[in-house]
Protein backbone atom coordinates (compact mmCIF):
# COMPACT_ATOMS: atom_id res chain seq x y z
CA MET A 1 -225.18 -53.97 80.90
CA ILE A 2 -223.04 -51.46 82.81
CA GLN A 3 -219.47 -52.61 83.29
CA ILE A 4 -218.28 -52.26 86.88
CA ASN A 5 -214.89 -51.97 88.51
CA ARG A 6 -213.53 -55.50 89.09
CA SER A 7 -212.86 -54.59 92.70
CA GLY A 8 -216.37 -53.21 93.22
CA LYS A 9 -219.67 -54.85 93.97
CA THR A 10 -221.68 -56.59 91.25
CA GLY A 11 -224.06 -53.99 89.93
CA LEU A 12 -225.68 -54.19 88.24
CA LEU A 13 -262.02 -40.72 53.42
CA MET A 14 -259.57 -43.39 54.55
CA VAL A 15 -260.03 -46.42 52.25
CA LEU A 16 -259.40 -45.46 48.64
CA PRO A 17 -261.02 -47.84 46.15
CA LEU A 18 -258.53 -49.25 43.71
CA ILE A 19 -260.50 -48.03 40.73
CA LEU A 20 -260.88 -44.44 41.93
CA PHE A 21 -258.24 -42.46 40.11
CA PHE A 22 -257.57 -38.91 39.16
CA SER A 23 -256.71 -39.88 35.56
CA CYS A 24 -259.16 -42.69 34.90
CA LYS A 25 -262.77 -42.26 34.02
CA LYS A 26 -265.32 -44.84 35.05
CA GLU A 27 -265.92 -46.04 31.50
CA GLU A 28 -262.24 -46.90 31.10
CA PHE A 29 -262.79 -49.88 33.44
CA GLU A 30 -266.09 -51.11 32.03
CA GLY A 31 -265.84 -54.58 30.50
CA GLN A 32 -262.56 -55.37 32.28
CA ARG A 33 -262.03 -58.31 34.60
CA PRO A 34 -261.28 -57.45 38.28
CA ASP A 35 -257.61 -58.42 37.92
CA GLU A 36 -257.33 -56.20 34.85
CA ARG A 37 -258.89 -53.31 36.74
CA ILE A 38 -256.47 -53.78 39.64
CA ALA A 39 -253.51 -53.94 37.27
CA ALA A 40 -254.67 -50.76 35.53
CA ALA A 41 -255.13 -49.03 38.88
CA LEU A 42 -251.66 -49.94 40.11
CA ASP A 43 -250.16 -48.92 36.79
CA ALA A 44 -251.81 -45.52 37.17
CA TYR A 45 -250.08 -45.06 40.53
CA TYR A 46 -246.73 -46.08 39.04
CA GLY A 47 -247.35 -43.59 36.25
CA THR A 48 -248.09 -40.80 38.69
CA LEU A 49 -245.01 -41.37 40.84
CA ALA A 50 -242.63 -41.80 37.90
CA GLY A 51 -244.38 -39.14 35.84
CA SER A 52 -243.27 -36.21 37.99
CA GLU A 53 -240.37 -34.84 35.96
CA TYR A 54 -238.84 -33.03 38.92
CA GLY A 55 -239.66 -35.53 41.67
CA TRP A 56 -241.66 -35.20 44.87
CA LYS A 57 -241.30 -33.14 48.01
CA GLY A 58 -242.08 -35.20 51.10
CA ASN A 59 -243.21 -34.51 54.66
CA LEU A 60 -242.94 -37.48 57.02
CA PHE A 61 -244.49 -37.26 60.48
CA PRO A 62 -243.73 -40.44 62.48
CA ALA A 63 -246.25 -41.71 65.01
CA GLY A 64 -243.64 -41.07 67.69
CA GLY A 65 -243.57 -37.33 66.95
CA ARG A 66 -241.11 -35.00 65.20
CA GLY A 67 -240.98 -34.35 61.45
CA PHE A 68 -238.62 -35.10 58.56
CA GLY A 69 -238.37 -33.50 55.14
CA PHE A 70 -237.71 -35.76 52.12
CA PHE A 71 -237.14 -35.44 48.39
CA PHE A 72 -237.96 -38.44 46.14
CA ARG A 73 -237.41 -39.33 42.48
CA PHE A 74 -239.29 -42.44 41.27
CA ASP A 75 -238.80 -44.16 37.90
CA ARG A 76 -240.68 -46.85 35.96
CA GLN A 77 -237.98 -49.45 36.69
CA ASN A 78 -239.09 -49.58 40.32
CA ARG A 79 -236.16 -47.52 41.55
CA VAL A 80 -236.39 -44.51 43.84
CA SER A 81 -233.70 -42.14 45.09
CA MET A 82 -234.19 -39.94 48.13
CA LEU A 83 -232.71 -37.19 50.28
CA ALA A 84 -233.80 -36.83 53.91
CA ASP A 85 -233.44 -34.38 56.78
CA ILE A 86 -231.88 -36.85 59.23
CA SER A 87 -228.16 -36.04 59.21
CA ASP A 88 -225.83 -33.82 57.22
CA GLN A 89 -224.97 -36.78 55.00
CA THR A 90 -228.60 -37.74 54.29
CA ARG A 91 -229.43 -34.13 53.46
CA ARG A 92 -226.74 -34.01 50.78
CA THR A 93 -226.24 -37.59 49.52
CA ALA A 94 -229.08 -39.39 47.73
CA LYS A 95 -229.78 -43.03 48.58
CA GLU A 96 -231.36 -45.40 46.07
CA SER A 97 -233.79 -48.23 46.73
CA SER A 98 -236.34 -50.37 44.97
CA TYR A 99 -240.03 -49.75 45.49
CA ARG A 100 -243.31 -51.51 44.67
CA ILE A 101 -247.00 -50.71 44.67
CA ARG A 102 -249.11 -53.64 45.80
CA ALA A 103 -252.83 -54.27 46.04
CA THR A 104 -253.57 -55.15 49.66
CA LEU A 105 -256.68 -53.88 51.48
CA THR A 106 -255.76 -50.55 49.95
CA PRO A 107 -253.09 -49.77 47.35
CA SER A 108 -249.78 -49.66 49.22
CA LEU A 109 -246.35 -48.21 48.50
CA TYR A 110 -243.45 -50.41 49.69
CA PHE A 111 -239.79 -49.42 49.93
CA ASP A 112 -238.07 -52.80 49.54
CA THR A 113 -234.45 -52.20 50.47
CA TYR A 114 -232.86 -50.26 53.33
CA THR A 115 -233.40 -46.53 52.89
CA TYR A 116 -233.47 -43.36 54.94
CA LEU A 117 -237.09 -44.28 55.76
CA HIS A 118 -235.85 -47.57 57.25
CA GLN A 119 -233.24 -45.65 59.24
CA LEU A 120 -235.99 -43.83 61.16
CA ALA A 121 -237.77 -47.13 61.84
CA ASP A 122 -234.62 -49.04 62.78
CA PRO A 123 -235.17 -50.87 66.09
CA ASP A 124 -231.53 -50.32 67.12
CA PRO A 125 -231.37 -47.13 69.25
CA ALA A 126 -227.76 -46.62 68.18
CA VAL A 127 -229.07 -45.82 64.68
CA ASN A 128 -231.66 -43.14 65.50
CA ASN A 129 -231.57 -42.69 69.29
CA GLY A 130 -235.09 -44.11 69.33
CA THR A 131 -236.92 -46.66 71.45
CA PRO A 132 -235.29 -50.12 71.50
CA GLY A 133 -237.30 -52.42 69.24
CA PHE A 134 -239.35 -49.58 67.74
CA GLY A 135 -237.04 -46.78 66.63
CA LEU A 136 -238.96 -43.53 66.11
CA TYR A 137 -242.26 -45.38 65.50
CA SER A 138 -241.91 -44.59 61.83
CA ASP A 139 -242.84 -46.62 58.73
CA PHE A 140 -241.48 -47.73 55.36
CA GLU A 141 -244.66 -49.36 54.01
CA PHE A 142 -247.60 -47.03 53.36
CA SER A 143 -251.19 -47.32 52.21
CA ILE A 144 -252.30 -44.66 49.74
CA GLN A 145 -255.16 -42.67 51.26
CA TYR A 146 -255.59 -40.02 48.56
CA ALA A 147 -254.10 -39.32 45.16
CA SER A 148 -254.24 -36.60 42.57
CA LYS A 149 -251.69 -35.78 39.87
CA ASP A 150 -249.96 -33.32 42.24
CA THR A 151 -250.47 -34.81 45.71
CA LEU A 152 -250.41 -38.20 47.43
CA LEU A 153 -251.32 -38.70 51.08
CA LEU A 154 -250.12 -41.95 52.67
CA LYS A 155 -250.44 -43.66 56.04
CA GLY A 156 -247.91 -46.07 57.55
CA ASN A 157 -249.13 -49.66 57.65
CA LEU A 158 -247.52 -50.47 61.01
CA PHE A 159 -247.48 -47.32 63.15
CA GLY A 160 -249.68 -44.97 61.15
CA SER A 161 -246.98 -42.41 60.29
CA ARG A 162 -248.15 -39.74 57.86
CA LEU A 163 -246.31 -39.21 54.58
CA GLU A 164 -247.28 -36.38 52.23
CA LEU A 165 -245.89 -36.27 48.68
CA ILE A 166 -246.26 -33.03 46.68
CA ARG A 167 -245.04 -32.67 43.10
CA ALA A 168 -241.85 -30.59 42.98
CA THR A 169 -240.99 -27.81 40.55
CA ARG A 170 -237.72 -27.55 38.63
CA GLU A 171 -236.49 -24.85 41.04
CA GLU A 172 -237.33 -26.95 44.08
CA ALA A 173 -235.68 -30.11 42.72
CA ALA A 174 -232.50 -28.17 41.93
CA ALA A 175 -232.51 -26.71 45.45
CA TYR A 176 -232.90 -30.10 47.14
CA GLU A 177 -230.14 -31.62 45.03
CA ALA A 178 -227.85 -28.67 45.79
CA GLY A 179 -228.14 -29.31 49.55
CA ASN A 180 -231.03 -27.01 50.46
CA LEU A 181 -232.23 -29.25 53.32
CA ALA A 182 -228.92 -28.56 55.06
CA ALA A 183 -229.01 -24.88 54.07
CA MET A 184 -232.51 -24.35 55.48
CA LYS A 185 -231.56 -26.01 58.76
CA ARG A 186 -228.50 -23.80 59.00
CA ARG A 187 -230.53 -20.63 58.34
CA VAL A 188 -233.07 -21.47 61.02
CA SER A 189 -230.29 -22.25 63.52
CA GLN A 190 -228.66 -18.91 62.72
CA PHE A 191 -231.97 -17.11 63.25
CA LEU A 192 -232.38 -18.72 66.67
CA GLU A 193 -228.75 -18.35 67.72
CA ASP A 194 -228.98 -14.91 69.36
CA ARG A 195 -232.67 -14.97 70.25
CA LYS A 196 -233.50 -16.16 73.76
CA PHE A 197 -237.28 -15.90 73.53
CA THR A 198 -239.30 -15.80 70.31
CA TYR A 199 -243.01 -15.11 70.12
CA ILE A 200 -245.93 -14.30 67.85
CA GLU A 201 -248.50 -11.63 68.59
CA ASP A 202 -251.99 -11.89 67.12
CA ALA A 203 -254.26 -9.02 66.10
CA ALA A 204 -255.81 -8.91 69.58
CA GLY A 205 -252.42 -8.53 71.26
CA ASN A 206 -252.26 -12.09 72.61
CA ILE A 207 -248.75 -13.56 72.97
CA TYR A 208 -247.73 -17.03 71.76
CA THR A 209 -244.18 -18.03 72.67
CA THR A 210 -242.39 -20.37 70.28
CA ALA A 211 -239.60 -22.85 70.97
CA ILE A 212 -238.03 -24.43 67.86
CA ASP A 213 -235.71 -27.41 68.23
CA THR A 214 -233.77 -27.96 65.00
CA GLU A 215 -232.21 -31.19 66.30
CA GLU A 216 -235.53 -32.81 67.13
CA ASN A 217 -237.51 -30.95 64.41
CA THR A 218 -240.20 -29.80 66.82
CA LEU A 219 -242.09 -26.60 67.59
CA ILE A 220 -243.64 -25.84 70.99
CA VAL A 221 -246.20 -23.04 71.27
CA ASN A 222 -247.19 -21.70 74.70
CA TYR A 223 -249.99 -19.24 75.41
CA ASP A 224 -252.28 -17.96 78.14
CA SER A 225 -255.57 -19.84 78.19
CA ALA A 226 -258.05 -18.59 80.79
CA GLY A 227 -255.29 -17.64 83.22
CA THR A 228 -253.11 -20.75 82.88
CA ILE A 229 -250.32 -21.56 80.45
CA ALA A 230 -251.33 -24.01 77.72
CA THR A 231 -248.89 -25.69 75.38
CA GLN A 232 -249.06 -27.46 72.02
CA LYS A 233 -246.23 -29.42 70.39
CA PHE A 234 -245.76 -30.05 66.66
CA GLY A 235 -243.38 -31.91 64.39
CA LEU A 236 -241.61 -29.79 61.77
CA SER A 237 -240.64 -30.89 58.25
CA PHE A 238 -238.21 -28.78 56.19
CA PHE A 239 -239.96 -28.43 52.86
CA GLY A 240 -239.34 -26.93 49.42
CA THR A 241 -237.03 -23.95 49.31
CA ASP A 242 -238.05 -22.00 52.41
CA GLN A 243 -240.77 -23.66 54.51
CA LEU A 244 -241.16 -25.72 57.68
CA ILE A 245 -244.45 -27.62 57.54
CA MET A 246 -246.13 -28.39 60.88
CA SER A 247 -247.52 -31.84 61.67
CA MET A 248 -250.90 -30.17 62.23
CA PRO A 249 -252.12 -26.56 62.28
CA PHE A 250 -251.93 -24.55 65.49
CA ARG A 251 -255.35 -23.23 66.47
CA HIS A 252 -256.46 -21.10 69.40
CA ASP A 253 -259.71 -19.16 69.22
CA LYS A 254 -259.60 -17.52 65.78
CA PHE A 255 -255.82 -17.51 65.48
CA GLN A 256 -254.12 -20.25 63.45
CA PHE A 257 -251.05 -21.10 61.36
CA ASP A 258 -249.74 -24.29 59.75
CA ARG A 259 -246.14 -23.55 58.72
CA LEU A 260 -243.09 -21.38 59.26
CA ILE A 261 -241.47 -19.53 56.36
CA ILE A 262 -237.86 -18.38 56.08
CA ASP A 263 -237.62 -14.88 54.59
CA SER A 264 -235.23 -15.14 51.64
CA GLN A 265 -233.88 -11.60 52.15
CA THR A 266 -233.57 -11.24 55.93
CA GLY A 267 -233.41 -14.86 57.08
CA GLU A 268 -236.12 -14.12 59.61
CA LEU A 269 -238.94 -16.56 60.38
CA GLN A 270 -242.65 -15.97 59.99
CA ALA A 271 -245.61 -18.15 60.86
CA ALA A 272 -248.12 -18.45 58.03
CA GLN A 273 -251.58 -19.67 57.17
CA GLY A 274 -252.74 -19.19 53.60
CA GLY A 275 -251.81 -15.63 52.66
CA GLN A 276 -251.46 -14.41 56.25
CA HIS A 277 -247.99 -14.04 57.75
CA PHE A 278 -247.06 -13.41 61.39
CA VAL A 279 -243.58 -12.24 62.40
CA LEU A 280 -241.62 -14.18 65.01
CA TRP A 281 -240.45 -11.40 67.32
CA ASP A 282 -237.72 -11.83 69.89
CA THR A 283 -237.16 -10.45 73.37
CA GLU A 284 -234.57 -10.73 76.13
CA VAL A 285 -237.32 -10.68 78.75
CA PRO A 286 -239.30 -13.92 79.23
CA PRO A 287 -242.92 -13.34 78.15
CA PHE A 288 -244.14 -15.75 80.86
CA ALA A 289 -242.72 -16.33 84.36
CA PHE A 290 -240.72 -19.53 84.78
CA SER A 291 -243.02 -20.63 87.60
CA ALA A 292 -245.87 -20.67 85.06
CA MET A 293 -243.78 -22.44 82.40
CA TRP A 294 -242.00 -25.03 84.58
CA GLY A 295 -243.72 -28.33 83.93
CA VAL A 296 -245.76 -26.92 81.04
CA GLY A 297 -243.57 -25.33 78.37
CA TYR A 298 -240.34 -26.56 79.96
CA GLU A 299 -240.26 -29.97 81.62
CA SER A 300 -236.53 -30.61 82.04
CA ILE A 301 -233.31 -28.86 83.01
CA VAL A 302 -230.19 -30.63 81.68
CA VAL A 303 -227.30 -29.99 84.07
CA PRO A 304 -223.65 -30.73 83.13
CA ILE A 305 -221.98 -32.99 85.71
CA GLU A 306 -218.53 -33.72 84.32
CA THR A 307 -217.97 -29.99 83.80
CA GLU A 308 -218.88 -26.93 85.86
CA ALA A 309 -221.71 -24.86 84.38
CA GLN A 310 -221.38 -21.09 84.61
CA GLY A 311 -223.64 -19.93 87.45
CA ASN A 312 -223.39 -23.06 89.59
CA GLY A 313 -223.15 -22.49 93.33
CA ALA A 314 -220.09 -23.59 95.32
CA GLU A 315 -222.04 -26.11 97.41
CA PHE A 316 -223.50 -27.81 94.34
CA ASN A 317 -220.07 -28.01 92.72
CA LEU A 318 -218.62 -29.58 95.87
CA ARG A 319 -221.37 -32.22 95.93
CA ARG A 320 -221.06 -32.77 92.18
CA THR A 321 -217.31 -33.48 92.39
CA THR A 322 -217.81 -35.71 95.46
CA PHE A 323 -220.32 -37.78 93.47
CA LEU A 324 -217.89 -38.09 90.55
CA GLN A 325 -215.09 -39.27 92.83
CA ASN A 326 -217.36 -41.85 94.48
CA ALA A 327 -218.92 -43.12 91.23
CA ARG A 328 -215.62 -43.56 89.39
CA THR A 329 -214.43 -46.05 91.99
CA LEU A 330 -217.51 -48.20 91.41
CA LEU A 331 -217.53 -48.44 87.62
CA ALA A 332 -215.04 -49.44 84.94
CA ALA A 333 -212.21 -47.08 84.03
CA GLY A 334 -213.27 -44.57 81.40
CA THR A 335 -216.90 -44.38 82.56
CA THR A 336 -218.23 -40.81 82.47
CA PHE A 337 -221.30 -39.08 83.90
CA PRO A 338 -222.03 -36.30 81.38
CA GLU A 339 -225.29 -34.82 82.63
CA MET A 340 -228.14 -34.88 85.13
CA THR A 341 -231.65 -34.23 83.81
CA VAL A 342 -234.16 -32.78 86.27
CA THR A 343 -237.72 -33.35 85.03
CA ILE A 344 -240.94 -32.25 86.72
CA ASP A 345 -244.41 -33.82 86.51
CA ARG A 346 -246.73 -31.29 88.08
CA LYS A 347 -249.84 -33.42 87.65
CA GLN A 348 -248.35 -36.32 89.62
CA GLN A 349 -246.35 -33.94 91.85
CA LEU A 350 -243.13 -35.81 91.15
CA LEU A 351 -239.61 -34.68 90.30
CA PHE A 352 -237.33 -37.11 88.45
CA VAL A 353 -233.54 -36.81 88.59
CA ASN A 354 -231.90 -38.88 85.86
CA GLN A 355 -228.13 -39.32 85.89
CA LEU A 356 -226.65 -40.31 82.53
CA ILE A 357 -223.87 -42.93 82.63
CA ARG A 358 -221.69 -43.34 79.53
CA GLN A 359 -219.37 -46.25 78.79
CA GLY A 360 -217.86 -45.96 75.32
CA ALA A 361 -220.73 -45.65 72.85
CA ASN A 362 -223.28 -47.00 75.35
CA ASN A 363 -225.51 -44.83 77.51
CA PHE A 364 -227.26 -45.94 80.70
CA ASN A 365 -229.67 -44.11 83.00
CA ALA A 366 -229.97 -44.04 86.77
CA ARG A 367 -233.32 -42.55 87.77
CA PHE A 368 -234.27 -41.17 91.19
CA VAL A 369 -237.62 -39.71 92.21
CA PHE A 370 -238.90 -37.10 94.67
CA SER A 371 -242.46 -36.16 95.57
CA PHE A 372 -243.14 -32.50 96.29
CA ILE A 373 -245.52 -29.93 97.71
CA GLN A 374 -245.71 -26.66 95.80
CA GLN A 375 -246.48 -23.33 97.43
CA GLY A 376 -246.41 -20.49 94.92
CA ASP A 377 -243.04 -20.76 93.18
CA GLU A 378 -241.42 -22.79 96.00
CA TYR A 379 -241.11 -26.59 96.17
CA THR A 380 -240.59 -28.81 99.21
CA PHE A 381 -239.23 -32.22 98.22
CA LYS A 382 -239.35 -35.67 99.80
CA TYR A 383 -237.01 -38.36 98.49
CA GLU A 384 -238.93 -41.46 97.34
CA GLY A 385 -235.96 -43.54 96.19
CA ALA A 386 -234.19 -45.14 93.22
CA THR A 387 -236.45 -46.43 90.44
CA ASP A 388 -234.14 -48.90 88.64
CA ASP A 389 -231.18 -51.20 89.22
CA ASN A 390 -228.67 -48.68 87.89
CA ALA A 391 -229.96 -46.07 90.32
CA LYS A 392 -229.90 -48.51 93.24
CA PHE A 393 -226.30 -49.38 92.47
CA LEU A 394 -225.29 -45.71 92.17
CA GLU A 395 -227.46 -44.37 95.02
CA ASN A 396 -224.85 -44.17 97.79
CA ALA A 397 -222.41 -42.36 95.52
CA PHE A 398 -225.14 -39.95 94.39
CA ILE A 399 -226.42 -39.12 97.90
CA PRO A 400 -224.45 -35.83 98.17
CA VAL A 401 -226.39 -34.46 95.17
CA LEU A 402 -229.74 -35.97 96.18
CA GLU A 403 -229.51 -34.54 99.70
CA GLY A 404 -229.15 -31.05 98.27
CA PHE A 405 -232.81 -31.13 97.20
CA LEU A 406 -233.96 -31.72 100.78
CA TYR A 407 -232.67 -28.65 102.66
CA GLY A 408 -235.79 -26.51 102.87
CA LYS A 409 -237.65 -25.08 99.91
CA MET A 410 -236.29 -24.86 96.37
CA GLN A 411 -236.99 -22.37 93.61
CA PHE A 412 -236.52 -22.67 89.86
CA ASP A 413 -236.04 -19.76 87.48
CA TYR A 414 -234.59 -18.67 84.16
CA ASP A 415 -230.84 -18.08 84.07
CA LEU A 416 -230.17 -15.23 81.65
CA GLU A 417 -226.38 -14.92 81.98
CA LEU A 418 -225.64 -16.55 78.61
CA SER A 419 -227.26 -16.41 75.18
CA GLU A 420 -228.25 -20.09 75.55
CA LEU A 421 -231.69 -20.63 77.09
CA ARG A 422 -230.99 -21.96 80.58
CA ALA A 423 -232.66 -22.36 83.97
CA SER A 424 -231.52 -22.91 87.54
CA GLY A 425 -232.65 -24.73 90.66
CA GLN A 426 -231.64 -23.24 94.01
CA SER A 427 -232.09 -24.36 97.60
CA GLY A 428 -233.49 -21.89 100.10
CA GLY A 429 -232.03 -23.78 103.05
CA LEU A 430 -228.60 -24.86 101.80
CA PRO A 431 -226.53 -21.83 100.70
CA GLY A 432 -224.64 -22.40 97.48
CA PHE A 433 -226.70 -25.39 96.33
CA LYS A 434 -227.57 -23.97 92.93
CA PHE A 435 -227.35 -25.82 89.62
CA VAL A 436 -227.72 -24.37 86.12
CA GLY A 437 -228.55 -26.23 82.92
CA ARG A 438 -230.04 -25.86 79.48
CA LEU A 439 -233.76 -26.06 78.79
């Protein structure tokens, strides 16, 4: 609960038969009792997992989206060690757990003690910034859907997360254990650092813009589809020595790719499918107009509130500081208001303005909503009100900012002053009401 100032108001192929194995012929089970067959089947799985001398590369795609690269080493004493692309520590420091394979409806792999897999599923949002009670909708118990000596495909028993295990080579194992998950993330971040807009061009000259988020491990691809901008979003898993595996292949007409590859010599990224590679080009000029991308490729503008963003208008800054002065008198000392997120829903014709409230390590949200009428690239807004108790409590203090959206028509566009990808919102009827934030 938000703490308030004491002098203020109270505010608030799916089922795999147990006897179907890559290393066991049918006659090996003949004459055995069912329990003996099950035991032999489970032992074969143990043998496969522990039998990979150099461990297993892993791609985990939680049901909630995103992607996470893993590296596992299993042994016959029911112990497993793992590295995971979650934080700098988990990329470099292996964590050990016990594991079991059990015969349920299908053979299932269980990780018994708290691991990096459990961290993604942790119901406490302070652990993974996930949904309270659900985490990232990830799993730590998996049914085995397919197995060969080099590949296992698994499905989470609770949320249906997808886990792929691929036998690693000596070179790959050495790279993982030398910190390559962190190194790959750093190389991709460096590639993106000075590139505002990246895109792929197919053989027919069609443009596909790409937006890679190395914090969320996602890839967004935008393209022209019959005169409108279409978008597809994928999880990304850092994999092996130089690849980012997508949660599913991108397909449009005859063009497709299922991974990104980091060039070992240049550090540049390429999309790939089989033996075909497609360069990720970059440009300073947006391939698609912001009016076409707003609400499709880009849904939110994150505007700093405690600090002044370069490019802000004087009127917005005045209203921003007035809000801060008002809000600080209402809430406990030390409360901050780091950012305002402006999110559009073009289908519902709604604009959401979410003000973040921070008290120590706790974050709270105050959400306000506008309806709108769009004419070309201009928006006319109508204030619909506060949507939660936090917003109702903060509403009077936030009115100076909210009113700025109501003076005539507003326009939104890219802001290209800095290397960071940013956008602005500007009032046509209130001079100086212009805010700038990151996309």
